[in-house]
C-alpha cells in the first residue's frame, strides 16, 4: 500500500503519522515510566503544553523490551 489509506464510510478516519527518527525506517519509543514499574511500558508526548489549543497528546503503550536488539 502506498499513499494515504482510503477513508472508511462511517469511520473516524483520523490519522497518526510516526516519524522515522534515525533515517532507518523505524520509529523508536522509550518507556518514560519509573524503573520497576508495573504494567505495560509507556511513552507520552511532551512536545506541547496540554492546555495549548491544537495540542496533540499521544500515549503509546506496549509489552516487551526491544532495547539492545539489533535487526
C-alpha atoms as a PDB file:
ATOM      1  CA  UNK A   1       0.000   0.000   0.000  1.00  0.00           C
ATOM      2  CA  UNK A   2       1.339   3.390  -0.974  1.00  0.00           C
ATOM      3  CA  UNK A   3      -0.122   6.771  -0.088  1.00  0.00           C
ATOM      4  CA  UNK A   4      -2.804   7.521   2.456  1.00  0.00           C
ATOM      5  CA  UNK A   5      -5.459   4.888   3.163  1.00  0.00           C
ATOM      6  CA  UNK A   6      -8.905   5.342   1.660  1.00  0.00           C
ATOM      7  CA  UNK A   7     -11.444   6.778   4.104  1.00  0.00           C
ATOM      8  CA  UNK A   8     -13.907   4.344   5.656  1.00  0.00           C
ATOM      9  CA  UNK A   9     -17.541   5.411   5.431  1.00  0.00           C
ATOM     10  CA  UNK A  10     -18.924   5.967   8.916  1.00  0.00           C
ATOM     11  CA  UNK A  11     -15.452   5.724  10.494  1.00  0.00           C
ATOM     12  CA  UNK A  12     -13.481   8.359  12.363  1.00  0.00           C
ATOM     13  CA  UNK A  13     -10.707   8.324   9.728  1.00  0.00           C
ATOM     14  CA  UNK A  14      -8.199  10.158  11.980  1.00  0.00           C
ATOM     15  CA  UNK A  15      -4.550   9.531  11.071  1.00  0.00           C
ATOM     16  CA  UNK A  16      -1.400   9.193  13.195  1.00  0.00           C
ATOM     17  CA  UNK A  17       1.948   9.627  11.442  1.00  0.00           C
ATOM     18  CA  UNK A  18       5.054   8.432  13.311  1.00  0.00           C
ATOM     19  CA  UNK A  19       8.412   9.893  12.275  1.00  0.00           C
ATOM     20  CA  UNK A  20      11.482   7.941  11.177  1.00  0.00           C
ATOM     21  CA  UNK A  21      13.793   9.220  13.929  1.00  0.00           C
ATOM     22  CA  UNK A  22      17.163   7.911  12.689  1.00  0.00           C
ATOM     23  CA  UNK A  23      16.601   7.577   8.928  1.00  0.00           C
ATOM     24  CA  UNK A  24      16.461   3.773   9.224  1.00  0.00           C
ATOM     25  CA  UNK A  25      12.723   3.330   8.515  1.00  0.00           C
ATOM     26  CA  UNK A  26      11.857   2.629  12.162  1.00  0.00           C
ATOM     27  CA  UNK A  27      10.348   4.663  14.974  1.00  0.00           C
ATOM     28  CA  UNK A  28      11.896   4.288  18.433  1.00  0.00           C
ATOM     29  CA  UNK A  29       9.790   4.570  21.587  1.00  0.00           C
ATOM     30  CA  UNK A  30      11.374   4.672  25.056  1.00  0.00           C
ATOM     31  CA  UNK A  31       9.434   3.965  28.226  1.00  0.00           C
ATOM     32  CA  UNK A  32       9.120   7.117  30.325  1.00  0.00           C
ATOM     33  CA  UNK A  33       7.812   5.394  33.464  1.00  0.00           C
ATOM     34  CA  UNK A  34       9.956   4.784  36.557  1.00  0.00           C
ATOM     35  CA  UNK A  35      12.267   1.757  36.695  1.00  0.00           C
ATOM     36  CA  UNK A  36      10.497  -1.341  38.023  1.00  0.00           C
ATOM     37  CA  UNK A  37       7.008  -0.059  37.160  1.00  0.00           C
ATOM     38  CA  UNK A  38       4.020  -2.418  36.968  1.00  0.00           C
ATOM     39  CA  UNK A  39       2.031  -2.944  33.781  1.00  0.00           C
ATOM     40  CA  UNK A  40       2.881  -2.086  30.190  1.00  0.00           C
ATOM     41  CA  UNK A  41       5.666   0.255  29.107  1.00  0.00           C
ATOM     42  CA  UNK A  42       4.509   3.754  28.165  1.00  0.00           C
ATOM     43  CA  UNK A  43       5.732   6.832  26.316  1.00  0.00           C
ATOM     44  CA  UNK A  44       3.806  10.112  26.373  1.00  0.00           C
ATOM     45  CA  UNK A  45       4.259  13.045  24.024  1.00  0.00           C
ATOM     46  CA  UNK A  46       5.666  16.067  25.821  1.00  0.00           C
ATOM     47  CA  UNK A  47       6.284  18.407  22.903  1.00  0.00           C
ATOM     48  CA  UNK A  48       3.376  20.745  23.642  1.00  0.00           C
ATOM     49  CA  UNK A  49       1.624  22.089  26.707  1.00  0.00           C
ATOM     50  CA  UNK A  50      -1.573  20.081  27.325  1.00  0.00           C
ATOM     51  CA  UNK A  51      -3.542  23.333  27.600  1.00  0.00           C
ATOM     52  CA  UNK A  52      -2.291  24.674  24.245  1.00  0.00           C
ATOM     53  CA  UNK A  53      -5.008  24.880  21.613  1.00  0.00           C
ATOM     54  CA  UNK A  54      -4.456  22.206  18.965  1.00  0.00           C
ATOM     55  CA  UNK A  55      -2.066  20.175  21.134  1.00  0.00           C
ATOM     56  CA  UNK A  56      -1.652  16.533  20.102  1.00  0.00           C
ATOM     57  CA  UNK A  57      -1.342  14.448  23.259  1.00  0.00           C
ATOM     58  CA  UNK A  58      -0.183  10.920  22.440  1.00  0.00           C
ATOM     59  CA  UNK A  59       0.217   7.904  24.747  1.00  0.00           C
ATOM     60  CA  UNK A  60       1.812   4.716  23.370  1.00  0.00           C
ATOM     61  CA  UNK A  61       1.776   1.534  25.481  1.00  0.00           C
ATOM     62  CA  UNK A  62       3.462  -1.809  24.751  1.00  0.00           C
ATOM     63  CA  UNK A  63       4.627  -5.118  26.245  1.00  0.00           C
ATOM     64  CA  UNK A  64       8.171  -6.477  25.963  1.00  0.00           C
ATOM     65  CA  UNK A  65      11.528  -4.765  25.540  1.00  0.00           C
ATOM     66  CA  UNK A  66      13.491  -4.406  22.289  1.00  0.00           C
ATOM     67  CA  UNK A  67      16.367  -2.479  23.944  1.00  0.00           C
ATOM     68  CA  UNK A  68      19.721  -3.837  22.870  1.00  0.00           C
ATOM     69  CA  UNK A  69      18.308  -5.907  19.989  1.00  0.00           C
ATOM     70  CA  UNK A  70      19.643  -5.252  16.522  1.00  0.00           C
ATOM     71  CA  UNK A  71      17.994  -6.075  13.207  1.00  0.00           C
END
